[in-house]
Amino acid sequence: MGPIGFQEMMLIFLIVLLLFGAKKIPELARGIGKGMGEFKKAKEDFEREIKVGEDEGRKDWDRPSSPKAEEPAKTEPSPSATED
C-alpha cells in the first residue's frame, strides 16, 4: 500500500461531507485542531518532565559519595553484672 493519493483524499472528503454536512465540517476541523494542540502540549510537558528527571538523576549519579565513618557502639557493662 502506497501513500494516499488525490483520488482517495477526495473520496474521504466527500464521505465526510455527506455524513456531517457543510456546516459541521468547520466545527469538526476546529475540534480536531484543538485536540491536536492539546496533545502536542501534553507531549512537550511529558518530554520536559522526563528531561528534568534525567538531569536530576545525573546530578545524583555524578555527586561523589562520601562514606560515612560509623563510630563503634560503646558498650558498658551493666551494673548488675559487676556488683555480684
PDB file of N, CA and C in Angstrom:
ATOM      1  N   MET A   1       0.844  -1.179   0.000  1.00  0.00           N
ATOM      2  CA  MET A   1       0.000   0.000   0.000  1.00  0.00           C
ATOM      3  C   MET A   1       0.887   1.239   0.000  1.00  0.00           C
ATOM      4  N   GLY A   2       0.621   2.085  -0.923  1.00  0.00           N
ATOM      5  CA  GLY A   2       1.385   3.315  -1.046  1.00  0.00           C
ATOM      6  C   GLY A   2       0.713   4.455  -0.303  1.00  0.00           C
ATOM      7  N   PRO A   3       1.238   5.632  -0.484  1.00  0.00           N
ATOM      8  CA  PRO A   3       0.640   6.803   0.169  1.00  0.00           C
ATOM      9  C   PRO A   3      -0.740   7.112  -0.415  1.00  0.00           C
ATOM     10  N   ILE A   4      -1.527   7.844   0.351  1.00  0.00           N
ATOM     11  CA  ILE A   4      -2.872   8.209  -0.095  1.00  0.00           C
ATOM     12  C   ILE A   4      -2.749   9.241  -1.212  1.00  0.00           C
ATOM     13  N   GLY A   5      -3.411   8.969  -2.323  1.00  0.00           N
ATOM     14  CA  GLY A   5      -3.354   9.863  -3.474  1.00  0.00           C
ATOM     15  C   GLY A   5      -4.486  10.873  -3.458  1.00  0.00           C
ATOM     16  N   PHE A   6      -4.545  11.667  -4.513  1.00  0.00           N
ATOM     17  CA  PHE A   6      -5.553  12.722  -4.631  1.00  0.00           C
ATOM     18  C   PHE A   6      -6.963  12.143  -4.686  1.00  0.00           C
ATOM     19  N   GLN A   7      -7.138  11.064  -5.449  1.00  0.00           N
ATOM     20  CA  GLN A   7      -8.472  10.467  -5.587  1.00  0.00           C
ATOM     21  C   GLN A   7      -8.985   9.932  -4.254  1.00  0.00           C
ATOM     22  N   GLU A   8      -8.109   9.297  -3.498  1.00  0.00           N
ATOM     23  CA  GLU A   8      -8.516   8.777  -2.197  1.00  0.00           C
ATOM     24  C   GLU A   8      -8.890   9.906  -1.242  1.00  0.00           C
ATOM     25  N   MET A   9      -8.114  10.992  -1.278  1.00  0.00           N
ATOM     26  CA  MET A   9      -8.416  12.140  -0.413  1.00  0.00           C
ATOM     27  C   MET A   9      -9.765  12.755  -0.770  1.00  0.00           C
ATOM     28  N   MET A  10     -10.059  12.879  -2.061  1.00  0.00           N
ATOM     29  CA  MET A  10     -11.348  13.431  -2.490  1.00  0.00           C
ATOM     30  C   MET A  10     -12.501  12.530  -2.056  1.00  0.00           C
ATOM     31  N   LEU A  11     -12.310  11.225  -2.147  1.00  0.00           N
ATOM     32  CA  LEU A  11     -13.342  10.283  -1.725  1.00  0.00           C
ATOM     33  C   LEU A  11     -13.609  10.416  -0.225  1.00  0.00           C
ATOM     34  N   ILE A  12     -12.560  10.501   0.565  1.00  0.00           N
ATOM     35  CA  ILE A  12     -12.712  10.685   2.017  1.00  0.00           C
ATOM     36  C   ILE A  12     -13.419  11.998   2.311  1.00  0.00           C
ATOM     37  N   PHE A  13     -13.038  13.069   1.627  1.00  0.00           N
ATOM     38  CA  PHE A  13     -13.673  14.370   1.836  1.00  0.00           C
ATOM     39  C   PHE A  13     -15.160  14.319   1.498  1.00  0.00           C
ATOM     40  N   LEU A  14     -15.518  13.665   0.399  1.00  0.00           N
ATOM     41  CA  LEU A  14     -16.926  13.558   0.007  1.00  0.00           C
ATOM     42  C   LEU A  14     -17.733  12.754   1.028  1.00  0.00           C
ATOM     43  N   ILE A  15     -17.150  11.684   1.545  1.00  0.00           N
ATOM     44  CA  ILE A  15     -17.845  10.886   2.561  1.00  0.00           C
ATOM     45  C   ILE A  15     -18.071  11.713   3.818  1.00  0.00           C
ATOM     46  N   VAL A  16     -17.053  12.455   4.253  1.00  0.00           N
ATOM     47  CA  VAL A  16     -17.196  13.317   5.430  1.00  0.00           C
ATOM     48  C   VAL A  16     -18.246  14.387   5.168  1.00  0.00           C
ATOM     49  N   LEU A  17     -18.239  14.956   3.996  1.00  0.00           N
ATOM     50  CA  LEU A  17     -19.223  15.981   3.632  1.00  0.00           C
ATOM     51  C   LEU A  17     -20.641  15.425   3.677  1.00  0.00           C
ATOM     52  N   LEU A  18     -20.829  14.214   3.170  1.00  0.00           N
ATOM     53  CA  LEU A  18     -22.152  13.593   3.188  1.00  0.00           C
ATOM     54  C   LEU A  18     -22.593  13.233   4.609  1.00  0.00           C
ATOM     55  N   LEU A  19     -21.654  12.764   5.423  1.00  0.00           N
ATOM     56  CA  LEU A  19     -22.009  12.353   6.786  1.00  0.00           C
ATOM     57  C   LEU A  19     -22.329  13.541   7.688  1.00  0.00           C
ATOM     58  N   PHE A  20     -21.540  14.586   7.618  1.00  0.00           N
ATOM     59  CA  PHE A  20     -21.663  15.678   8.585  1.00  0.00           C
ATOM     60  C   PHE A  20     -22.285  16.944   8.010  1.00  0.00           C
ATOM     61  N   GLY A  21     -22.291  17.117   6.735  1.00  0.00           N
ATOM     62  CA  GLY A  21     -22.847  18.323   6.135  1.00  0.00           C
ATOM     63  C   GLY A  21     -21.822  19.439   6.096  1.00  0.00           C
ATOM     64  N   ALA A  22     -22.098  20.435   5.266  1.00  0.00           N
ATOM     65  CA  ALA A  22     -21.151  21.534   5.052  1.00  0.00           C
ATOM     66  C   ALA A  22     -21.000  22.414   6.285  1.00  0.00           C
ATOM     67  N   LYS A  23     -22.049  22.526   7.109  1.00  0.00           N
ATOM     68  CA  LYS A  23     -21.980  23.411   8.275  1.00  0.00           C
ATOM     69  C   LYS A  23     -21.181  22.806   9.419  1.00  0.00           C
ATOM     70  N   LYS A  24     -21.123  21.486   9.501  1.00  0.00           N
ATOM     71  CA  LYS A  24     -20.427  20.824  10.608  1.00  0.00           C
ATOM     72  C   LYS A  24     -18.928  20.670  10.361  1.00  0.00           C
ATOM     73  N   ILE A  25     -18.499  20.716   9.126  1.00  0.00           N
ATOM     74  CA  ILE A  25     -17.087  20.477   8.816  1.00  0.00           C
ATOM     75  C   ILE A  25     -16.170  21.502   9.490  1.00  0.00           C
ATOM     76  N   PRO A  26     -16.473  22.805   9.476  1.00  0.00           N
ATOM     77  CA  PRO A  26     -15.588  23.739  10.183  1.00  0.00           C
ATOM     78  C   PRO A  26     -15.515  23.465  11.687  1.00  0.00           C
ATOM     79  N   GLU A  27     -16.642  23.071  12.286  1.00  0.00           N
ATOM     80  CA  GLU A  27     -16.632  22.739  13.712  1.00  0.00           C
ATOM     81  C   GLU A  27     -15.768  21.511  13.975  1.00  0.00           C
ATOM     82  N   LEU A  28     -15.891  20.511  13.117  1.00  0.00           N
ATOM     83  CA  LEU A  28     -15.065  19.314  13.262  1.00  0.00           C
ATOM     84  C   LEU A  28     -13.584  19.652  13.121  1.00  0.00           C
ATOM     85  N   ALA A  29     -13.260  20.452  12.127  1.00  0.00           N
ATOM     86  CA  ALA A  29     -11.860  20.829  11.907  1.00  0.00           C
ATOM     87  C   ALA A  29     -11.317  21.607  13.098  1.00  0.00           C
ATOM     88  N   ARG A  30     -12.142  22.509  13.648  1.00  0.00           N
ATOM     89  CA  ARG A  30     -11.725  23.283  14.816  1.00  0.00           C
ATOM     90  C   ARG A  30     -11.473  22.359  16.011  1.00  0.00           C
ATOM     91  N   GLY A  31     -12.378  21.419  16.223  1.00  0.00           N
ATOM     92  CA  GLY A  31     -12.223  20.467  17.324  1.00  0.00           C
ATOM     93  C   GLY A  31     -10.986  19.605  17.168  1.00  0.00           C
ATOM     94  N   ILE A  32     -10.747  19.151  15.948  1.00  0.00           N
ATOM     95  CA  ILE A  32      -9.553  18.341  15.691  1.00  0.00           C
ATOM     96  C   ILE A  32      -8.296  19.173  15.919  1.00  0.00           C
ATOM     97  N   GLY A  33      -8.311  20.422  15.485  1.00  0.00           N
ATOM     98  CA  GLY A  33      -7.153  21.306  15.689  1.00  0.00           C
ATOM     99  C   GLY A  33      -6.875  21.545  17.160  1.00  0.00           C
ATOM    100  N   LYS A  34      -7.931  21.796  17.943  1.00  0.00           N
ATOM    101  CA  LYS A  34      -7.751  21.995  19.386  1.00  0.00           C
ATOM    102  C   LYS A  34      -7.213  20.730  20.043  1.00  0.00           C
ATOM    103  N   GLY A  35      -7.760  19.594  19.636  1.00  0.00           N
ATOM    104  CA  GLY A  35      -7.292  18.325  20.190  1.00  0.00           C
ATOM    105  C   GLY A  35      -5.831  18.067  19.880  1.00  0.00           C
ATOM    106  N   MET A  36      -5.435  18.367  18.652  1.00  0.00           N
ATOM    107  CA  MET A  36      -4.033  18.183  18.278  1.00  0.00           C
ATOM    108  C   MET A  36      -3.134  19.133  19.058  1.00  0.00           C
ATOM    109  N   GLY A  37      -3.598  20.371  19.276  1.00  0.00           N
ATOM    110  CA  GLY A  37      -2.814  21.332  20.050  1.00  0.00           C
ATOM    111  C   GLY A  37      -2.636  20.883  21.492  1.00  0.00           C
ATOM    112  N   GLU A  38      -3.708  20.377  22.103  1.00  0.00           N
ATOM    113  CA  GLU A  38      -3.619  19.890  23.476  1.00  0.00           C
ATOM    114  C   GLU A  38      -2.709  18.672  23.563  1.00  0.00           C
ATOM    115  N   PHE A  39      -2.806  17.792  22.574  1.00  0.00           N
ATOM    116  CA  PHE A  39      -1.950  16.614  22.555  1.00  0.00           C
ATOM    117  C   PHE A  39      -0.483  17.015  22.447  1.00  0.00           C
ATOM    118  N   LYS A  40      -0.193  17.982  21.588  1.00  0.00           N
ATOM    119  CA  LYS A  40       1.186  18.444  21.407  1.00  0.00           C
ATOM    120  C   LYS A  40       1.713  19.068  22.694  1.00  0.00           C
ATOM    121  N   LYS A  41       0.870  19.863  23.374  1.00  0.00           N
ATOM    122  CA  LYS A  41       1.286  20.497  24.622  1.00  0.00           C
ATOM    123  C   LYS A  41       1.559  19.444  25.693  1.00  0.00           C
ATOM    124  N   ALA A  42       0.690  18.445  25.791  1.00  0.00           N
ATOM    125  CA  ALA A  42       0.892  17.380  26.772  1.00  0.00           C
ATOM    126  C   ALA A  42       2.164  16.598  26.470  1.00  0.00           C
ATOM    127  N   LYS A  43       2.431  16.360  25.195  1.00  0.00           N
ATOM    128  CA  LYS A  43       3.642  15.645  24.797  1.00  0.00           C
ATOM    129  C   LYS A  43       4.888  16.438  25.187  1.00  0.00           C
ATOM    130  N   GLU A  44       4.865  17.750  24.953  1.00  0.00           N
ATOM    131  CA  GLU A  44       6.007  18.597  25.305  1.00  0.00           C
ATOM    132  C   GLU A  44       6.204  18.640  26.817  1.00  0.00           C
ATOM    133  N   ASP A  45       5.108  18.724  27.583  1.00  0.00           N
ATOM    134  CA  ASP A  45       5.211  18.710  29.043  1.00  0.00           C
ATOM    135  C   ASP A  45       5.809  17.395  29.525  1.00  0.00           C
ATOM    136  N   PHE A  46       5.366  16.289  28.944  1.00  0.00           N
ATOM    137  CA  PHE A  46       5.879  14.979  29.317  1.00  0.00           C
ATOM    138  C   PHE A  46       7.371  14.877  29.016  1.00  0.00           C
ATOM    139  N   GLU A  47       7.780  15.326  27.837  1.00  0.00           N
ATOM    140  CA  GLU A  47       9.195  15.280  27.468  1.00  0.00           C
ATOM    141  C   GLU A  47      10.027  16.159  28.394  1.00  0.00           C
ATOM    142  N   ARG A  48       9.481  17.324  28.782  1.00  0.00           N
ATOM    143  CA  ARG A  48      10.189  18.218  29.696  1.00  0.00           C
ATOM    144  C   ARG A  48      10.373  17.543  31.063  1.00  0.00           C
ATOM    145  N   GLU A  49       9.335  16.871  31.559  1.00  0.00           N
ATOM    146  CA  GLU A  49       9.430  16.180  32.842  1.00  0.00           C
ATOM    147  C   GLU A  49      10.460  15.054  32.786  1.00  0.00           C
ATOM    148  N   ILE A  50      10.493  14.331  31.687  1.00  0.00           N
ATOM    149  CA  ILE A  50      11.481  13.261  31.527  1.00  0.00           C
ATOM    150  C   ILE A  50      12.886  13.847  31.553  1.00  0.00           C
ATOM    151  N   LYS A  51      13.096  14.971  30.855  1.00  0.00           N
ATOM    152  CA  LYS A  51      14.419  15.599  30.814  1.00  0.00           C
ATOM    153  C   LYS A  51      14.837  16.066  32.197  1.00  0.00           C
ATOM    154  N   VAL A  52      13.908  16.670  32.951  1.00  0.00           N
ATOM    155  CA  VAL A  52      14.223  17.132  34.303  1.00  0.00           C
ATOM    156  C   VAL A  52      14.602  15.940  35.173  1.00  0.00           C
ATOM    157  N   GLY A  53      13.865  14.847  35.047  1.00  0.00           N
ATOM    158  CA  GLY A  53      14.177  13.645  35.817  1.00  0.00           C
ATOM    159  C   GLY A  53      15.545  13.085  35.467  1.00  0.00           C
ATOM    160  N   GLU A  54      15.880  13.083  34.185  1.00  0.00           N
ATOM    161  CA  GLU A  54      17.199  12.607  33.770  1.00  0.00           C
ATOM    162  C   GLU A  54      18.294  13.496  34.334  1.00  0.00           C
ATOM    163  N   ASP A  55      18.091  14.814  34.284  1.00  0.00           N
ATOM    164  CA  ASP A  55      19.100  15.741  34.796  1.00  0.00           C
ATOM    165  C   ASP A  55      19.303  15.545  36.294  1.00  0.00           C
ATOM    166  N   GLU A  56      18.214  15.366  37.042  1.00  0.00           N
ATOM    167  CA  GLU A  56      18.336  15.140  38.480  1.00  0.00           C
ATOM    168  C   GLU A  56      19.040  13.822  38.761  1.00  0.00           C
ATOM    169  N   GLY A  57      18.743  12.807  37.962  1.00  0.00           N
ATOM    170  CA  GLY A  57      19.397  11.513  38.131  1.00  0.00           C
ATOM    171  C   GLY A  57      20.888  11.606  37.860  1.00  0.00           C
ATOM    172  N   ARG A  58      21.261  12.380  36.851  1.00  0.00           N
ATOM    173  CA  ARG A  58      22.686  12.550  36.553  1.00  0.00           C
ATOM    174  C   ARG A  58      23.393  13.303  37.671  1.00  0.00           C
ATOM    175  N   LYS A  59      22.721  14.298  38.244  1.00  0.00           N
ATOM    176  CA  LYS A  59      23.330  15.042  39.346  1.00  0.00           C
ATOM    177  C   LYS A  59      23.591  14.111  40.522  1.00  0.00           C
ATOM    178  N   ASP A  60      22.615  13.260  40.837  1.00  0.00           N
ATOM    179  CA  ASP A  60      22.791  12.315  41.936  1.00  0.00           C
ATOM    180  C   ASP A  60      23.890  11.317  41.618  1.00  0.00           C
ATOM    181  N   TRP A  61      23.970  10.906  40.376  1.00  0.00           N
ATOM    182  CA  TRP A  61      24.962   9.910  39.982  1.00  0.00           C
ATOM    183  C   TRP A  61      26.365  10.514  39.980  1.00  0.00           C
ATOM    184  N   ASP A  62      26.502  11.762  39.529  1.00  0.00           N
ATOM    185  CA  ASP A  62      27.806  12.406  39.434  1.00  0.00           C
ATOM    186  C   ASP A  62      28.331  12.869  40.785  1.00  0.00           C
ATOM    187  N   ARG A  63      27.455  13.065  41.744  1.00  0.00           N
ATOM    188  CA  ARG A  63      27.873  13.551  43.054  1.00  0.00           C
ATOM    189  C   ARG A  63      28.726  12.477  43.732  1.00  0.00           C
ATOM    190  N   PRO A  64      29.935  12.842  44.202  1.00  0.00           N
ATOM    191  CA  PRO A  64      30.765  11.837  44.869  1.00  0.00           C
ATOM    192  C   PRO A  64      30.123  11.440  46.192  1.00  0.00           C
ATOM    193  N   SER A  65      30.108  10.162  46.421  1.00  0.00           N
ATOM    194  CA  SER A  65      29.512   9.690  47.671  1.00  0.00           C
ATOM    195  C   SER A  65      30.626   9.550  48.696  1.00  0.00           C
ATOM    196  N   SER A  66      30.469  10.227  49.817  1.00  0.00           N
ATOM    197  CA  SER A  66      31.470  10.147  50.873  1.00  0.00           C
ATOM    198  C   SER A  66      31.002   9.101  51.871  1.00  0.00           C
ATOM    199  N   PRO A  67      31.810   8.080  52.059  1.00  0.00           N
ATOM    200  CA  PRO A  67      31.400   7.043  53.010  1.00  0.00           C
ATOM    201  C   PRO A  67      31.409   7.618  54.418  1.00  0.00           C
ATOM    202  N   LYS A  68      30.350   7.403  55.122  1.00  0.00           N
ATOM    203  CA  LYS A  68      30.257   7.903  56.489  1.00  0.00           C
ATOM    204  C   LYS A  68      30.951   6.910  57.408  1.00  0.00           C
ATOM    205  N   ALA A  69      31.851   7.436  58.209  1.00  0.00           N
ATOM    206  CA  ALA A  69      32.547   6.579  59.161  1.00  0.00           C
ATOM    207  C   ALA A  69      31.611   6.329  60.334  1.00  0.00           C
ATOM    208  N   GLU A  70      31.337   5.067  60.557  1.00  0.00           N
ATOM    209  CA  GLU A  70      30.454   4.733  61.657  1.00  0.00           C
ATOM    210  C   GLU A  70      31.286   4.562  62.918  1.00  0.00           C
ATOM    211  N   GLU A  71      30.825   5.184  63.978  1.00  0.00           N
ATOM    212  CA  GLU A  71      31.519   5.039  65.249  1.00  0.00           C
ATOM    213  C   GLU A  71      31.108   3.719  65.864  1.00  0.00           C
ATOM    214  N   PRO A  72      32.071   3.022  66.437  1.00  0.00           N
ATOM    215  CA  PRO A  72      31.707   1.759  67.079  1.00  0.00           C
ATOM    216  C   PRO A  72      30.802   2.042  68.277  1.00  0.00           C
ATOM    217  N   ALA A  73      29.854   1.198  68.462  1.00  0.00           N
ATOM    218  CA  ALA A  73      28.921   1.379  69.571  1.00  0.00           C
ATOM    219  C   ALA A  73      29.648   1.101  70.881  1.00  0.00           C
ATOM    220  N   LYS A  74      29.506   2.020  71.825  1.00  0.00           N
ATOM    221  CA  LYS A  74      30.149   1.850  73.130  1.00  0.00           C
ATOM    222  C   LYS A  74      29.267   0.956  73.985  1.00  0.00           C
ATOM    223  N   THR A  75      29.881  -0.084  74.480  1.00  0.00           N
ATOM    224  CA  THR A  75      29.131  -0.982  75.355  1.00  0.00           C
ATOM    225  C   THR A  75      29.724  -0.886  76.743  1.00  0.00           C
ATOM    226  N   GLU A  76      28.898  -0.586  77.673  1.00  0.00           N
ATOM    227  CA  GLU A  76      29.335  -0.529  79.067  1.00  0.00           C
ATOM    228  C   GLU A  76      28.750  -1.733  79.781  1.00  0.00           C
ATOM    229  N   PRO A  77      29.514  -2.308  80.641  1.00  0.00           N
ATOM    230  CA  PRO A  77      28.976  -3.462  81.370  1.00  0.00           C
ATOM    231  C   PRO A  77      27.808  -3.016  82.251  1.00  0.00           C
ATOM    232  N   SER A  78      26.829  -3.847  82.348  1.00  0.00           N
ATOM    233  CA  SER A  78      25.673  -3.486  83.154  1.00  0.00           C
ATOM    234  C   SER A  78      26.055  -3.511  84.629  1.00  0.00           C
ATOM    235  N   PRO A  79      25.512  -2.607  85.427  1.00  0.00           N
ATOM    236  CA  PRO A  79      25.891  -2.528  86.843  1.00  0.00           C
ATOM    237  C   PRO A  79      25.524  -3.785  87.619  1.00  0.00           C
ATOM    238  N   SER A  80      24.520  -4.487  87.248  1.00  0.00           N
ATOM    239  CA  SER A  80      24.123  -5.677  87.997  1.00  0.00           C
ATOM    240  C   SER A  80      25.117  -6.815  87.799  1.00  0.00           C
ATOM    241  N   ALA A  81      25.791  -6.866  86.674  1.00  0.00           N
ATOM    242  CA  ALA A  81      26.748  -7.938  86.416  1.00  0.00           C
ATOM    243  C   ALA A  81      28.020  -7.732  87.213  1.00  0.00           C
ATOM    244  N   THR A  82      28.419  -6.527  87.523  1.00  0.00           N
ATOM    245  CA  THR A  82      29.671  -6.275  88.236  1.00  0.00           C
ATOM    246  C   THR A  82      29.483  -6.225  89.742  1.00  0.00           C
ATOM    247  N   GLU A  83      28.293  -6.086  90.236  1.00  0.00           N
ATOM    248  CA  GLU A  83      28.072  -5.931  91.667  1.00  0.00           C
ATOM    249  C   GLU A  83      27.870  -7.251  92.378  1.00  0.00           C
ATOM    250  N   ASP A  84      27.944  -8.359  91.765  1.00  0.00           N
ATOM    251  CA  ASP A  84      27.737  -9.646  92.433  1.00  0.00           C
ATOM    252  C   ASP A  84      28.762  -9.950  93.422  1.00  0.00           C
TER     253      ASP A  84
END
